[in-house]
Amino acid sequence: FAFAMAALMVGTALIAGLPGNALLVCLRTSAPWIVRAAGLVLIVVGIYEGYFFVKAGM
């Protein structure tokens, strides 16, 4: 968990600090798709956890 969080923070800092805002503009324009993809991942993980909870008999 700590490694993933650190990698995301370093990546965000590098993107924000790069000269020229082309990458930042690209990320801003694709933000709605990123949010939708994250929502889909959360839904799939929630369904999996619910299935695992029922399957384990808890």
N, C-alpha and C. Protein backbone atom coordinates (compact mmCIF):
# COMPACT_ATOMS: atom_id res chain seq x y z
N PHE A 1 0.83 -1.19 0.00
CA PHE A 1 0.00 0.00 0.00
C PHE A 1 0.87 1.25 0.00
N ALA A 2 1.88 1.25 0.85
CA ALA A 2 2.74 2.42 0.95
C ALA A 2 3.50 2.66 -0.36
N PHE A 3 3.95 1.59 -1.00
CA PHE A 3 4.67 1.75 -2.26
C PHE A 3 3.77 2.33 -3.34
N ALA A 4 2.55 1.83 -3.42
CA ALA A 4 1.61 2.33 -4.44
C ALA A 4 1.29 3.80 -4.19
N MET A 5 1.08 4.17 -2.95
CA MET A 5 0.77 5.56 -2.62
C MET A 5 1.96 6.46 -2.94
N ALA A 6 3.15 6.00 -2.61
CA ALA A 6 4.35 6.79 -2.90
C ALA A 6 4.55 6.94 -4.40
N ALA A 7 4.31 5.88 -5.16
CA ALA A 7 4.46 5.95 -6.61
C ALA A 7 3.46 6.93 -7.22
N LEU A 8 2.24 6.92 -6.73
CA LEU A 8 1.25 7.88 -7.23
C LEU A 8 1.62 9.32 -6.89
N MET A 9 2.12 9.54 -5.70
CA MET A 9 2.51 10.90 -5.31
C MET A 9 3.71 11.39 -6.13
N VAL A 10 4.68 10.52 -6.36
CA VAL A 10 5.84 10.90 -7.17
C VAL A 10 5.40 11.17 -8.60
N GLY A 11 4.55 10.32 -9.14
CA GLY A 11 4.05 10.53 -10.50
C GLY A 11 3.29 11.84 -10.64
N THR A 12 2.45 12.15 -9.67
CA THR A 12 1.70 13.40 -9.69
C THR A 12 2.64 14.60 -9.61
N ALA A 13 3.64 14.51 -8.75
CA ALA A 13 4.60 15.61 -8.63
C ALA A 13 5.39 15.80 -9.91
N LEU A 14 5.77 14.72 -10.56
CA LEU A 14 6.52 14.83 -11.82
C LEU A 14 5.66 15.44 -12.92
N ILE A 15 4.41 15.02 -13.00
CA ILE A 15 3.51 15.56 -14.02
C ILE A 15 3.29 17.05 -13.80
N ALA A 16 3.10 17.44 -12.55
CA ALA A 16 2.85 18.85 -12.25
C ALA A 16 4.10 19.70 -12.48
N GLY A 17 5.28 19.11 -12.32
CA GLY A 17 6.50 19.88 -12.44
C GLY A 17 7.15 19.88 -13.81
N LEU A 18 6.66 19.09 -14.72
CA LEU A 18 7.28 19.03 -16.04
C LEU A 18 7.09 20.35 -16.79
N PRO A 19 8.12 20.77 -17.52
CA PRO A 19 7.95 21.98 -18.33
C PRO A 19 7.00 21.73 -19.49
N GLY A 20 6.24 22.71 -19.80
CA GLY A 20 5.23 22.53 -20.85
C GLY A 20 4.04 21.78 -20.26
N ASN A 21 2.90 22.29 -20.48
CA ASN A 21 1.72 21.72 -19.84
C ASN A 21 0.95 20.77 -20.74
N ALA A 22 1.59 20.22 -21.75
CA ALA A 22 0.88 19.36 -22.69
C ALA A 22 0.31 18.12 -21.99
N LEU A 23 1.11 17.50 -21.15
CA LEU A 23 0.64 16.30 -20.45
C LEU A 23 -0.46 16.65 -19.45
N LEU A 24 -0.30 17.77 -18.77
CA LEU A 24 -1.31 18.22 -17.81
C LEU A 24 -2.62 18.54 -18.51
N VAL A 25 -2.55 19.17 -19.66
CA VAL A 25 -3.76 19.48 -20.43
C VAL A 25 -4.42 18.19 -20.89
N CYS A 26 -3.63 17.23 -21.31
CA CYS A 26 -4.17 15.94 -21.74
C CYS A 26 -4.88 15.24 -20.59
N LEU A 27 -4.30 15.28 -19.41
CA LEU A 27 -4.94 14.66 -18.25
C LEU A 27 -6.23 15.38 -17.88
N ARG A 28 -6.24 16.70 -17.99
CA ARG A 28 -7.45 17.45 -17.66
C ARG A 28 -8.58 17.13 -18.64
N THR A 29 -8.25 16.97 -19.90
CA THR A 29 -9.30 16.67 -20.87
C THR A 29 -9.81 15.24 -20.74
N SER A 30 -8.97 14.34 -20.24
CA SER A 30 -9.41 12.96 -20.08
C SER A 30 -9.92 12.66 -18.67
N ALA A 31 -10.05 13.67 -17.84
CA ALA A 31 -10.50 13.47 -16.46
C ALA A 31 -11.86 12.78 -16.36
N PRO A 32 -12.86 13.14 -17.19
CA PRO A 32 -14.14 12.42 -17.07
C PRO A 32 -14.01 10.92 -17.33
N TRP A 33 -13.15 10.54 -18.26
CA TRP A 33 -12.96 9.11 -18.53
C TRP A 33 -12.22 8.43 -17.39
N ILE A 34 -11.29 9.13 -16.79
CA ILE A 34 -10.56 8.56 -15.65
C ILE A 34 -11.51 8.32 -14.48
N VAL A 35 -12.40 9.28 -14.24
CA VAL A 35 -13.38 9.13 -13.15
C VAL A 35 -14.31 7.96 -13.43
N ARG A 36 -14.76 7.82 -14.66
CA ARG A 36 -15.64 6.70 -15.01
C ARG A 36 -14.93 5.36 -14.85
N ALA A 37 -13.68 5.30 -15.27
CA ALA A 37 -12.92 4.05 -15.13
C ALA A 37 -12.71 3.70 -13.66
N ALA A 38 -12.42 4.70 -12.84
CA ALA A 38 -12.25 4.45 -11.41
C ALA A 38 -13.55 3.97 -10.78
N GLY A 39 -14.66 4.56 -11.19
CA GLY A 39 -15.96 4.11 -10.69
C GLY A 39 -16.25 2.67 -11.08
N LEU A 40 -15.92 2.32 -12.31
CA LEU A 40 -16.14 0.95 -12.77
C LEU A 40 -15.28 -0.03 -11.97
N VAL A 41 -14.05 0.34 -11.70
CA VAL A 41 -13.17 -0.52 -10.91
C VAL A 41 -13.76 -0.72 -9.51
N LEU A 42 -14.25 0.36 -8.90
CA LEU A 42 -14.84 0.25 -7.56
C LEU A 42 -16.07 -0.64 -7.56
N ILE A 43 -16.89 -0.54 -8.59
CA ILE A 43 -18.09 -1.38 -8.68
C ILE A 43 -17.69 -2.85 -8.82
N VAL A 44 -16.74 -3.14 -9.69
CA VAL A 44 -16.30 -4.53 -9.89
C VAL A 44 -15.70 -5.10 -8.60
N VAL A 45 -14.89 -4.33 -7.92
CA VAL A 45 -14.29 -4.80 -6.67
C VAL A 45 -15.36 -5.01 -5.61
N GLY A 46 -16.34 -4.13 -5.55
CA GLY A 46 -17.43 -4.30 -4.59
C GLY A 46 -18.24 -5.56 -4.86
N ILE A 47 -18.52 -5.84 -6.12
CA ILE A 47 -19.24 -7.07 -6.47
C ILE A 47 -18.41 -8.30 -6.10
N TYR A 48 -17.12 -8.24 -6.37
CA TYR A 48 -16.25 -9.37 -6.01
C TYR A 48 -16.22 -9.58 -4.50
N GLU A 49 -16.10 -8.51 -3.74
CA GLU A 49 -16.07 -8.65 -2.28
C GLU A 49 -17.39 -9.18 -1.75
N GLY A 50 -18.50 -8.73 -2.32
CA GLY A 50 -19.79 -9.25 -1.92
C GLY A 50 -19.91 -10.73 -2.21
N TYR A 51 -19.46 -11.14 -3.39
CA TYR A 51 -19.47 -12.55 -3.77
C TYR A 51 -18.60 -13.37 -2.82
N PHE A 52 -17.41 -12.86 -2.53
CA PHE A 52 -16.50 -13.56 -1.63
C PHE A 52 -17.10 -13.67 -0.23
N PHE A 53 -17.76 -12.62 0.23
CA PHE A 53 -18.38 -12.61 1.55
C PHE A 53 -19.47 -13.68 1.64
N VAL A 54 -20.30 -13.78 0.60
CA VAL A 54 -21.38 -14.78 0.58
C VAL A 54 -20.79 -16.18 0.43
N LYS A 55 -19.80 -16.33 -0.43
CA LYS A 55 -19.19 -17.64 -0.69
C LYS A 55 -18.49 -18.17 0.56
N ALA A 56 -17.89 -17.29 1.34
CA ALA A 56 -17.18 -17.71 2.55
C ALA A 56 -18.14 -18.04 3.68
N GLY A 57 -19.42 -17.70 3.52
CA GLY A 57 -20.41 -18.02 4.53
C GLY A 57 -20.36 -17.12 5.75
N MET A 58 -20.00 -15.89 5.53
CA MET A 58 -19.92 -14.96 6.66
C MET A 58 -21.23 -14.28 6.91
